[in-house]
Amino acid sequence: LGMLLEGGIALIPAMDTIGEVVSPTVRKRLLQAKNVIQSGVPL
C-alpha cells in the first residue's frame, strides 16, 4: 500500500489493487476497512 501511495495512486484504488498480494482473511478485512474509509473515517 505504501508503494502504491508513493507512486501517486489514490488510497481507494490502491486498496482495490493490493487484494491479490494478501491472504483471503486480510483481503476481507481490507474490503471492510475500505467501506469504512469511504464513509469518512481516517485510515
ModelCIF file with pLDDT and N, C-alpha, C, O atoms, coordinates in Angstrom:
data_MODEL
#
_entry.id   MODEL 
#
_entity.id                         1 
_entity.type                       polymer 
_entity.pdbx_number_of_molecules   1 
#
_entity_poly.entity_id                      1 
_entity_poly.type                           'polypeptide(L)' 
_entity_poly.nstd_linkage                   no 
_entity_poly.nstd_monomer                   no 
_entity_poly.pdbx_seq_one_letter_code       LGMLLEGGIALIPAMDTIGEVVSPTVRKRLLQAKNVIQSGVPL 
_entity_poly.pdbx_seq_one_letter_code_can   LGMLLEGGIALIPAMDTIGEVVSPTVRKRLLQAKNVIQSGVPL 
_entity_poly.pdbx_strand_id                 A 
#
loop_
_entity_poly_seq.entity_id 
_entity_poly_seq.num 
_entity_poly_seq.mon_id 
_entity_poly_seq.hetero 
1 1  LEU n 
1 2  GLY n 
1 3  MET n 
1 4  LEU n 
1 5  LEU n 
1 6  GLU n 
1 7  GLY n 
1 8  GLY n 
1 9  ILE n 
1 10 ALA n 
1 11 LEU n 
1 12 ILE n 
1 13 PRO n 
1 14 ALA n 
1 15 MET n 
1 16 ASP n 
1 17 THR n 
1 18 ILE n 
1 19 GLY n 
1 20 GLU n 
1 21 VAL n 
1 22 VAL n 
1 23 SER n 
1 24 PRO n 
1 25 THR n 
1 26 VAL n 
1 27 ARG n 
1 28 LYS n 
1 29 ARG n 
1 30 LEU n 
1 31 LEU n 
1 32 GLN n 
1 33 ALA n 
1 34 LYS n 
1 35 ASN n 
1 36 VAL n 
1 37 ILE n 
1 38 GLN n 
1 39 SER n 
1 40 GLY n 
1 41 VAL n 
1 42 PRO n 
1 43 LEU n 
#
_struct_asym.id          A 
_struct_asym.entity_id   1 
#
loop_
_ma_qa_metric.id 
_ma_qa_metric.mode 
_ma_qa_metric.name 
_ma_qa_metric.software_group_id 
_ma_qa_metric.type 
1 global pLDDT . pLDDT 
2 local  pLDDT . pLDDT 
#
_ma_qa_metric_global.metric_id      1 
_ma_qa_metric_global.metric_value   84.81 
_ma_qa_metric_global.model_id       1 
_ma_qa_metric_global.ordinal_id     1 
#
loop_
_ma_qa_metric_local.label_asym_id 
_ma_qa_metric_local.label_comp_id 
_ma_qa_metric_local.label_seq_id 
_ma_qa_metric_local.metric_id 
_ma_qa_metric_local.metric_value 
_ma_qa_metric_local.model_id 
_ma_qa_metric_local.ordinal_id 
A LEU 1  2 88.00 1 1  
A GLY 2  2 87.00 1 2  
A MET 3  2 86.00 1 3  
A LEU 4  2 85.00 1 4  
A LEU 5  2 87.00 1 5  
A GLU 6  2 83.00 1 6  
A GLY 7  2 80.00 1 7  
A GLY 8  2 81.00 1 8  
A ILE 9  2 83.00 1 9  
A ALA 10 2 85.00 1 10 
A LEU 11 2 86.00 1 11 
A ILE 12 2 87.00 1 12 
A PRO 13 2 86.00 1 13 
A ALA 14 2 86.00 1 14 
A MET 15 2 86.00 1 15 
A ASP 16 2 84.00 1 16 
A THR 17 2 81.00 1 17 
A ILE 18 2 82.00 1 18 
A GLY 19 2 74.00 1 19 
A GLU 20 2 72.00 1 20 
A VAL 21 2 75.00 1 21 
A VAL 22 2 79.00 1 22 
A SER 23 2 78.00 1 23 
A PRO 24 2 78.00 1 24 
A THR 25 2 81.00 1 25 
A VAL 26 2 83.00 1 26 
A ARG 27 2 84.00 1 27 
A LYS 28 2 86.00 1 28 
A ARG 29 2 88.00 1 29 
A LEU 30 2 88.00 1 30 
A LEU 31 2 89.00 1 31 
A GLN 32 2 89.00 1 32 
A ALA 33 2 90.00 1 33 
A LYS 34 2 89.00 1 34 
A ASN 35 2 90.00 1 35 
A VAL 36 2 89.00 1 36 
A ILE 37 2 90.00 1 37 
A GLN 38 2 90.00 1 38 
A SER 39 2 88.00 1 39 
A GLY 40 2 87.00 1 40 
A VAL 41 2 88.00 1 41 
A PRO 42 2 90.00 1 42 
A LEU 43 2 89.00 1 43 
#
loop_
_atom_site.group_PDB 
_atom_site.id 
_atom_site.type_symbol 
_atom_site.label_atom_id 
_atom_site.label_alt_id 
_atom_site.label_comp_id 
_atom_site.label_asym_id 
_atom_site.label_entity_id 
_atom_site.label_seq_id 
_atom_site.pdbx_PDB_ins_code 
_atom_site.Cartn_x 
_atom_site.Cartn_y 
_atom_site.Cartn_z 
_atom_site.occupancy 
_atom_site.B_iso_or_equiv 
_atom_site.pdbx_formal_charge 
_atom_site.auth_seq_id 
_atom_site.auth_comp_id 
_atom_site.auth_asym_id 
_atom_site.auth_atom_id 
_atom_site.pdbx_PDB_model_num 
ATOM 1   N N  . LEU A 1 1  ? 0.824   -1.203  0.000  1.00 88.00 ? 1  LEU A N  1 
ATOM 2   C CA . LEU A 1 1  ? 0.000   0.000   0.000  1.00 88.00 ? 1  LEU A CA 1 
ATOM 3   C C  . LEU A 1 1  ? 0.864   1.262   0.000  1.00 88.00 ? 1  LEU A C  1 
ATOM 4   O O  . LEU A 1 1  ? 0.538   2.241   -0.671 1.00 88.00 ? 1  LEU A O  1 
ATOM 5   N N  . GLY A 1 2  ? 1.966   1.237   0.752  1.00 87.00 ? 2  GLY A N  1 
ATOM 6   C CA . GLY A 1 2  ? 2.869   2.383   0.769  1.00 87.00 ? 2  GLY A CA 1 
ATOM 7   C C  . GLY A 1 2  ? 3.492   2.638   -0.587 1.00 87.00 ? 2  GLY A C  1 
ATOM 8   O O  . GLY A 1 2  ? 3.622   3.789   -1.004 1.00 87.00 ? 2  GLY A O  1 
ATOM 9   N N  . MET A 1 3  ? 3.885   1.565   -1.288 1.00 86.00 ? 3  MET A N  1 
ATOM 10  C CA . MET A 1 3  ? 4.481   1.739   -2.611 1.00 86.00 ? 3  MET A CA 1 
ATOM 11  C C  . MET A 1 3  ? 3.481   2.384   -3.572 1.00 86.00 ? 3  MET A C  1 
ATOM 12  O O  . MET A 1 3  ? 3.843   3.281   -4.332 1.00 86.00 ? 3  MET A O  1 
ATOM 13  N N  . LEU A 1 4  ? 2.237   1.934   -3.540 1.00 85.00 ? 4  LEU A N  1 
ATOM 14  C CA . LEU A 1 4  ? 1.242   2.485   -4.449 1.00 85.00 ? 4  LEU A CA 1 
ATOM 15  C C  . LEU A 1 4  ? 0.926   3.939   -4.125 1.00 85.00 ? 4  LEU A C  1 
ATOM 16  O O  . LEU A 1 4  ? 0.777   4.757   -5.032 1.00 85.00 ? 4  LEU A O  1 
ATOM 17  N N  . LEU A 1 5  ? 0.822   4.267   -2.837 1.00 87.00 ? 5  LEU A N  1 
ATOM 18  C CA . LEU A 1 5  ? 0.539   5.650   -2.461 1.00 87.00 ? 5  LEU A CA 1 
ATOM 19  C C  . LEU A 1 5  ? 1.695   6.568   -2.832 1.00 87.00 ? 5  LEU A C  1 
ATOM 20  O O  . LEU A 1 5  ? 1.475   7.682   -3.305 1.00 87.00 ? 5  LEU A O  1 
ATOM 21  N N  . GLU A 1 6  ? 2.929   6.109   -2.621 1.00 83.00 ? 6  GLU A N  1 
ATOM 22  C CA . GLU A 1 6  ? 4.092   6.911   -3.012 1.00 83.00 ? 6  GLU A CA 1 
ATOM 23  C C  . GLU A 1 6  ? 4.175   7.073   -4.520 1.00 83.00 ? 6  GLU A C  1 
ATOM 24  O O  . GLU A 1 6  ? 4.743   8.045   -5.017 1.00 83.00 ? 6  GLU A O  1 
ATOM 25  N N  . GLY A 1 7  ? 3.605   6.112   -5.252 1.00 80.00 ? 7  GLY A N  1 
ATOM 26  C CA . GLY A 1 7  ? 3.613   6.208   -6.709 1.00 80.00 ? 7  GLY A CA 1 
ATOM 27  C C  . GLY A 1 7  ? 2.534   7.102   -7.273 1.00 80.00 ? 7  GLY A C  1 
ATOM 28  O O  . GLY A 1 7  ? 2.449   7.278   -8.488 1.00 80.00 ? 7  GLY A O  1 
ATOM 29  N N  . GLY A 1 8  ? 1.700   7.676   -6.404 1.00 81.00 ? 8  GLY A N  1 
ATOM 30  C CA . GLY A 1 8  ? 0.700   8.616   -6.876 1.00 81.00 ? 8  GLY A CA 1 
ATOM 31  C C  . GLY A 1 8  ? -0.693  8.050   -7.031 1.00 81.00 ? 8  GLY A C  1 
ATOM 32  O O  . GLY A 1 8  ? -1.582  8.742   -7.527 1.00 81.00 ? 8  GLY A O  1 
ATOM 33  N N  . ILE A 1 9  ? -0.912  6.790   -6.616 1.00 83.00 ? 9  ILE A N  1 
ATOM 34  C CA . ILE A 1 9  ? -2.237  6.183   -6.719 1.00 83.00 ? 9  ILE A CA 1 
ATOM 35  C C  . ILE A 1 9  ? -3.061  6.583   -5.508 1.00 83.00 ? 9  ILE A C  1 
ATOM 36  O O  . ILE A 1 9  ? -2.548  6.592   -4.389 1.00 83.00 ? 9  ILE A O  1 
ATOM 37  N N  . ALA A 1 10 ? -4.317  6.912   -5.712 1.00 85.00 ? 10 ALA A N  1 
ATOM 38  C CA . ALA A 1 10 ? -5.199  7.297   -4.619 1.00 85.00 ? 10 ALA A CA 1 
ATOM 39  C C  . ALA A 1 10 ? -5.448  6.108   -3.696 1.00 85.00 ? 10 ALA A C  1 
ATOM 40  O O  . ALA A 1 10 ? -5.263  4.955   -4.085 1.00 85.00 ? 10 ALA A O  1 
ATOM 41  N N  . LEU A 1 11 ? -5.874  6.405   -2.464 1.00 86.00 ? 11 LEU A N  1 
ATOM 42  C CA . LEU A 1 11 ? -5.985  5.368   -1.432 1.00 86.00 ? 11 LEU A CA 1 
ATOM 43  C C  . LEU A 1 11 ? -6.968  4.266   -1.813 1.00 86.00 ? 11 LEU A C  1 
ATOM 44  O O  . LEU A 1 11 ? -6.619  3.088   -1.734 1.00 86.00 ? 11 LEU A O  1 
ATOM 45  N N  . ILE A 1 12 ? -8.178  4.610   -2.221 1.00 87.00 ? 12 ILE A N  1 
ATOM 46  C CA . ILE A 1 12 ? -9.198  3.600   -2.505 1.00 87.00 ? 12 ILE A CA 1 
ATOM 47  C C  . ILE A 1 12 ? -8.797  2.714   -3.693 1.00 87.00 ? 12 ILE A C  1 
ATOM 48  O O  . ILE A 1 12 ? -8.887  1.492   -3.579 1.00 87.00 ? 12 ILE A O  1 
ATOM 49  N N  . PRO A 1 13 ? -8.354  3.284   -4.838 1.00 86.00 ? 13 PRO A N  1 
ATOM 50  C CA . PRO A 1 13 ? -7.874  2.414   -5.923 1.00 86.00 ? 13 PRO A CA 1 
ATOM 51  C C  . PRO A 1 13 ? -6.678  1.548   -5.494 1.00 86.00 ? 13 PRO A C  1 
ATOM 52  O O  . PRO A 1 13 ? -6.552  0.405   -5.932 1.00 86.00 ? 13 PRO A O  1 
ATOM 53  N N  . ALA A 1 14 ? -5.808  2.091   -4.646 1.00 86.00 ? 14 ALA A N  1 
ATOM 54  C CA . ALA A 1 14 ? -4.671  1.303   -4.171 1.00 86.00 ? 14 ALA A CA 1 
ATOM 55  C C  . ALA A 1 14 ? -5.136  0.117   -3.340 1.00 86.00 ? 14 ALA A C  1 
ATOM 56  O O  . ALA A 1 14 ? -4.575  -0.973  -3.452 1.00 86.00 ? 14 ALA A O  1 
ATOM 57  N N  . MET A 1 15 ? -6.148  0.314   -2.511 1.00 86.00 ? 15 MET A N  1 
ATOM 58  C CA . MET A 1 15 ? -6.676  -0.780  -1.694 1.00 86.00 ? 15 MET A CA 1 
ATOM 59  C C  . MET A 1 15 ? -7.343  -1.837  -2.570 1.00 86.00 ? 15 MET A C  1 
ATOM 60  O O  . MET A 1 15 ? -7.297  -3.027  -2.259 1.00 86.00 ? 15 MET A O  1 
ATOM 61  N N  . ASP A 1 16 ? -7.959  -1.404  -3.660 1.00 84.00 ? 16 ASP A N  1 
ATOM 62  C CA . ASP A 1 16 ? -8.544  -2.372  -4.600 1.00 84.00 ? 16 ASP A CA 1 
ATOM 63  C C  . ASP A 1 16 ? -7.462  -3.187  -5.299 1.00 84.00 ? 16 ASP A C  1 
ATOM 64  O O  . ASP A 1 16 ? -7.667  -4.364  -5.595 1.00 84.00 ? 16 ASP A O  1 
ATOM 65  N N  . THR A 1 17 ? -6.321  -2.575  -5.561 1.00 81.00 ? 17 THR A N  1 
ATOM 66  C CA . THR A 1 17 ? -5.256  -3.225  -6.325 1.00 81.00 ? 17 THR A CA 1 
ATOM 67  C C  . THR A 1 17 ? -4.543  -4.300  -5.530 1.00 81.00 ? 17 THR A C  1 
ATOM 68  O O  . THR A 1 17 ? -4.152  -5.322  -6.094 1.00 81.00 ? 17 THR A O  1 
ATOM 69  N N  . ILE A 1 18 ? -4.362  -4.094  -4.222 1.00 82.00 ? 18 ILE A N  1 
ATOM 70  C CA . ILE A 1 18 ? -3.497  -4.989  -3.449 1.00 82.00 ? 18 ILE A CA 1 
ATOM 71  C C  . ILE A 1 18 ? -4.217  -6.229  -2.947 1.00 82.00 ? 18 ILE A C  1 
ATOM 72  O O  . ILE A 1 18 ? -3.653  -6.986  -2.157 1.00 82.00 ? 18 ILE A O  1 
ATOM 73  N N  . GLY A 1 19 ? -5.448  -6.456  -3.388 1.00 74.00 ? 19 GLY A N  1 
ATOM 74  C CA . GLY A 1 19 ? -6.155  -7.646  -2.929 1.00 74.00 ? 19 GLY A CA 1 
ATOM 75  C C  . GLY A 1 19 ? -5.464  -8.940  -3.293 1.00 74.00 ? 19 GLY A C  1 
ATOM 76  O O  . GLY A 1 19 ? -5.598  -9.937  -2.584 1.00 74.00 ? 19 GLY A O  1 
ATOM 77  N N  . GLU A 1 20 ? -4.711  -8.938  -4.411 1.00 72.00 ? 20 GLU A N  1 
ATOM 78  C CA . GLU A 1 20 ? -4.075  -10.173 -4.872 1.00 72.00 ? 20 GLU A CA 1 
ATOM 79  C C  . GLU A 1 20 ? -2.835  -10.564 -4.081 1.00 72.00 ? 20 GLU A C  1 
ATOM 80  O O  . GLU A 1 20 ? -2.409  -11.716 -4.160 1.00 72.00 ? 20 GLU A O  1 
ATOM 81  N N  . VAL A 1 21 ? -2.244  -9.650  -3.323 1.00 75.00 ? 21 VAL A N  1 
ATOM 82  C CA . VAL A 1 21 ? -0.985  -9.954  -2.642 1.00 75.00 ? 21 VAL A CA 1 
ATOM 83  C C  . VAL A 1 21 ? -1.176  -10.246 -1.167 1.00 75.00 ? 21 VAL A C  1 
ATOM 84  O O  . VAL A 1 21 ? -0.195  -10.471 -0.459 1.00 75.00 ? 21 VAL A O  1 
ATOM 85  N N  . VAL A 1 22 ? -2.402  -10.251 -0.686 1.00 79.00 ? 22 VAL A N  1 
ATOM 86  C CA . VAL A 1 22 ? -2.656  -10.525 0.724  1.00 79.00 ? 22 VAL A CA 1 
ATOM 87  C C  . VAL A 1 22 ? -3.508  -11.785 0.838  1.00 79.00 ? 22 VAL A C  1 
ATOM 88  O O  . VAL A 1 22 ? -4.100  -12.235 -0.143 1.00 79.00 ? 22 VAL A O  1 
ATOM 89  N N  . SER A 1 23 ? -3.566  -12.342 2.032  1.00 78.00 ? 23 SER A N  1 
ATOM 90  C CA . SER A 1 23 ? -4.330  -13.558 2.266  1.00 78.00 ? 23 SER A CA 1 
ATOM 91  C C  . SER A 1 23 ? -5.826  -13.267 2.212  1.00 78.00 ? 23 SER A C  1 
ATOM 92  O O  . SER A 1 23 ? -6.235  -12.114 2.343  1.00 78.00 ? 23 SER A O  1 
ATOM 93  N N  . PRO A 1 24 ? -6.656  -14.308 2.019  1.00 78.00 ? 24 PRO A N  1 
ATOM 94  C CA . PRO A 1 24 ? -8.109  -14.073 1.985  1.00 78.00 ? 24 PRO A CA 1 
ATOM 95  C C  . PRO A 1 24 ? -8.634  -13.395 3.237  1.00 78.00 ? 24 PRO A C  1 
ATOM 96  O O  . PRO A 1 24 ? -9.544  -12.570 3.152  1.00 78.00 ? 24 PRO A O  1 
ATOM 97  N N  . THR A 1 25 ? -8.078  -13.726 4.409  1.00 81.00 ? 25 THR A N  1 
ATOM 98  C CA . THR A 1 25 ? -8.546  -13.106 5.651  1.00 81.00 ? 25 THR A CA 1 
ATOM 99  C C  . THR A 1 25 ? -8.267  -11.609 5.645  1.00 81.00 ? 25 THR A C  1 
ATOM 100 O O  . THR A 1 25 ? -9.146  -10.808 5.961  1.00 81.00 ? 25 THR A O  1 
ATOM 101 N N  . VAL A 1 26 ? -7.034  -11.231 5.282  1.00 83.00 ? 26 VAL A N  1 
ATOM 102 C CA . VAL A 1 26 ? -6.682  -9.813  5.227  1.00 83.00 ? 26 VAL A CA 1 
ATOM 103 C C  . VAL A 1 26 ? -7.462  -9.110  4.123  1.00 83.00 ? 26 VAL A C  1 
ATOM 104 O O  . VAL A 1 26 ? -7.866  -7.957  4.272  1.00 83.00 ? 26 VAL A O  1 
ATOM 105 N N  . ARG A 1 27 ? -7.670  -9.817  3.016  1.00 84.00 ? 27 ARG A N  1 
ATOM 106 C CA . ARG A 1 27 ? -8.433  -9.210  1.911  1.00 84.00 ? 27 ARG A CA 1 
ATOM 107 C C  . ARG A 1 27 ? -9.852  -8.850  2.353  1.00 84.00 ? 27 ARG A C  1 
ATOM 108 O O  . ARG A 1 27 ? -10.369 -7.790  2.000  1.00 84.00 ? 27 ARG A O  1 
ATOM 109 N N  . LYS A 1 28 ? -10.474 -9.740  3.126  1.00 86.00 ? 28 LYS A N  1 
ATOM 110 C CA . LYS A 1 28 ? -11.829 -9.465  3.612  1.00 86.00 ? 28 LYS A CA 1 
ATOM 111 C C  . LYS A 1 28 ? -11.840 -8.270  4.557  1.00 86.00 ? 28 LYS A C  1 
ATOM 112 O O  . LYS A 1 28 ? -12.711 -7.405  4.469  1.00 86.00 ? 28 LYS A O  1 
ATOM 113 N N  . ARG A 1 29 ? -10.864 -8.229  5.463  1.00 88.00 ? 29 ARG A N  1 
ATOM 114 C CA . ARG A 1 29 ? -10.796 -7.097  6.393  1.00 88.00 ? 29 ARG A CA 1 
ATOM 115 C C  . ARG A 1 29 ? -10.463 -5.806  5.664  1.00 88.00 ? 29 ARG A C  1 
ATOM 116 O O  . ARG A 1 29 ? -10.949 -4.736  6.029  1.00 88.00 ? 29 ARG A O  1 
ATOM 117 N N  . LEU A 1 30 ? -9.630  -5.908  4.630  1.00 88.00 ? 30 LEU A N  1 
ATOM 118 C CA . LEU A 1 30 ? -9.271  -4.720  3.853  1.00 88.00 ? 30 LEU A CA 1 
ATOM 119 C C  . LEU A 1 30 ? -10.493 -4.152  3.134  1.00 88.00 ? 30 LEU A C  1 
ATOM 120 O O  . LEU A 1 30 ? -10.660 -2.935  3.051  1.00 88.00 ? 30 LEU A O  1 
ATOM 121 N N  . LEU A 1 31 ? -11.342 -5.032  2.619  1.00 89.00 ? 31 LEU A N  1 
ATOM 122 C CA . LEU A 1 31 ? -12.562 -4.583  1.955  1.00 89.00 ? 31 LEU A CA 1 
ATOM 123 C C  . LEU A 1 31 ? -13.481 -3.865  2.939  1.00 89.00 ? 31 LEU A C  1 
ATOM 124 O O  . LEU A 1 31 ? -14.072 -2.835  2.615  1.00 89.00 ? 31 LEU A O  1 
ATOM 125 N N  . GLN A 1 32 ? -13.594 -4.420  4.141  1.00 89.00 ? 32 GLN A N  1 
ATOM 126 C CA . GLN A 1 32 ? -14.427 -3.771  5.153  1.00 89.00 ? 32 GLN A CA 1 
ATOM 127 C C  . GLN A 1 32 ? -13.833 -2.421  5.568  1.00 89.00 ? 32 GLN A C  1 
ATOM 128 O O  . GLN A 1 32 ? -14.559 -1.451  5.785  1.00 89.00 ? 32 GLN A O  1 
ATOM 129 N N  . ALA A 1 33 ? -12.488 -2.376  5.677  1.00 90.00 ? 33 ALA A N  1 
ATOM 130 C CA . ALA A 1 33 ? -11.834 -1.106  6.026  1.00 90.00 ? 33 ALA A CA 1 
ATOM 131 C C  . ALA A 1 33 ? -12.051 -0.074  4.933  1.00 90.00 ? 33 ALA A C  1 
ATOM 132 O O  . ALA A 1 33 ? -12.237 1.107   5.225  1.00 90.00 ? 33 ALA A O  1 
ATOM 133 N N  . LYS A 1 34 ? -12.031 -0.506  3.676  1.00 89.00 ? 34 LYS A N  1 
ATOM 134 C CA . LYS A 1 34 ? -12.267 0.431   2.568  1.00 89.00 ? 34 LYS A CA 1 
ATOM 135 C C  . LYS A 1 34 ? -13.665 1.038   2.647  1.00 89.00 ? 34 LYS A C  1 
ATOM 136 O O  . LYS A 1 34 ? -13.848 2.232   2.408  1.00 89.00 ? 34 LYS A O  1 
ATOM 137 N N  . ASN A 1 35 ? -14.649 0.201   2.987  1.00 90.00 ? 35 ASN A N  1 
ATOM 138 C CA . ASN A 1 35 ? -16.010 0.712   3.118  1.00 90.00 ? 35 ASN A CA 1 
ATOM 139 C C  . ASN A 1 35 ? -16.111 1.734   4.249  1.00 90.00 ? 35 ASN A C  1 
ATOM 140 O O  . ASN A 1 35 ? -16.836 2.724   4.143  1.00 90.00 ? 35 ASN A O  1 
ATOM 141 N N  . VAL A 1 36 ? -15.370 1.481   5.338  1.00 89.00 ? 36 VAL A N  1 
ATOM 142 C CA . VAL A 1 36 ? -15.381 2.419   6.466  1.00 89.00 ? 36 VAL A CA 1 
ATOM 143 C C  . VAL A 1 36 ? -14.711 3.731   6.061  1.00 89.00 ? 36 VAL A C  1 
ATOM 144 O O  . VAL A 1 36 ? -15.195 4.808   6.409  1.00 89.00 ? 36 VAL A O  1 
ATOM 145 N N  . ILE A 1 37 ? -13.595 3.646   5.324  1.00 90.00 ? 37 ILE A N  1 
ATOM 146 C CA . ILE A 1 37 ? -12.886 4.851   4.891  1.00 90.00 ? 37 ILE A CA 1 
ATOM 147 C C  . ILE A 1 37 ? -13.759 5.682   3.956  1.00 90.00 ? 37 ILE A C  1 
ATOM 148 O O  . ILE A 1 37 ? -13.757 6.911   4.028  1.00 90.00 ? 37 ILE A O  1 
ATOM 149 N N  . GLN A 1 38 ? -14.501 5.014   3.084  1.00 90.00 ? 38 GLN A N  1 
ATOM 150 C CA . GLN A 1 38 ? -15.367 5.742   2.154  1.00 90.00 ? 38 GLN A CA 1 
ATOM 151 C C  . GLN A 1 38 ? -16.494 6.485   2.869  1.00 90.00 ? 38 GLN A C  1 
ATOM 152 O O  . GLN A 1 38 ? -17.089 7.409   2.315  1.00 90.00 ? 38 GLN A O  1 
ATOM 153 N N  . SER A 1 39 ? -16.778 6.073   4.097  1.00 88.00 ? 39 SER A N  1 
ATOM 154 C CA . SER A 1 39 ? -17.799 6.778   4.875  1.00 88.00 ? 39 SER A CA 1 
ATOM 155 C C  . SER A 1 39 ? -17.227 7.980   5.619  1.00 88.00 ? 39 SER A C  1 
ATOM 156 O O  . SER A 1 39 ? -17.957 8.688   6.312  1.00 88.00 ? 39 SER A O  1 
ATOM 157 N N  . GLY A 1 40 ? -15.896 8.216   5.473  1.00 87.00 ? 40 GLY A N  1 
ATOM 158 C CA . GLY A 1 40 ? -15.283 9.393   6.059  1.00 87.00 ? 40 GLY A CA 1 
ATOM 159 C C  . GLY A 1 40 ? -14.403 9.150   7.257  1.00 87.00 ? 40 GLY A C  1 
ATOM 160 O O  . GLY A 1 40 ? -13.939 10.108  7.876  1.00 87.00 ? 40 GLY A O  1 
ATOM 161 N N  . VAL A 1 41 ? -14.153 7.891   7.613  1.00 88.00 ? 41 VAL A N  1 
ATOM 162 C CA . VAL A 1 41 ? -13.311 7.563   8.767  1.00 88.00 ? 41 VAL A CA 1 
ATOM 163 C C  . VAL A 1 41 ? -11.849 7.570   8.334  1.00 88.00 ? 41 VAL A C  1 
ATOM 164 O O  . VAL A 1 41 ? -11.552 7.094   7.239  1.00 88.00 ? 41 VAL A O  1 
ATOM 165 N N  . PRO A 1 42 ? -10.911 8.093   9.150  1.00 90.00 ? 42 PRO A N  1 
ATOM 166 C CA . PRO A 1 42 ? -9.488  8.073   8.797  1.00 90.00 ? 42 PRO A CA 1 
ATOM 167 C C  . PRO A 1 42 ? -8.950  6.656   8.636  1.00 90.00 ? 42 PRO A C  1 
ATOM 168 O O  . PRO A 1 42 ? -9.506  5.700   9.176  1.00 90.00 ? 42 PRO A O  1 
ATOM 169 N N  . LEU A 1 43 ? -7.859  6.538   7.883  1.00 89.00 ? 43 LEU A N  1 
ATOM 170 C CA . LEU A 1 43 ? -7.261  5.238   7.610  1.00 89.00 ? 43 LEU A CA 1 
ATOM 171 C C  . LEU A 1 43 ? -6.862  4.517   8.897  1.00 89.00 ? 43 LEU A C  1 
ATOM 172 O O  . LEU A 1 43 ? -6.341  3.403   8.845  1.00 89.00 ? 43 LEU A O  1 
#
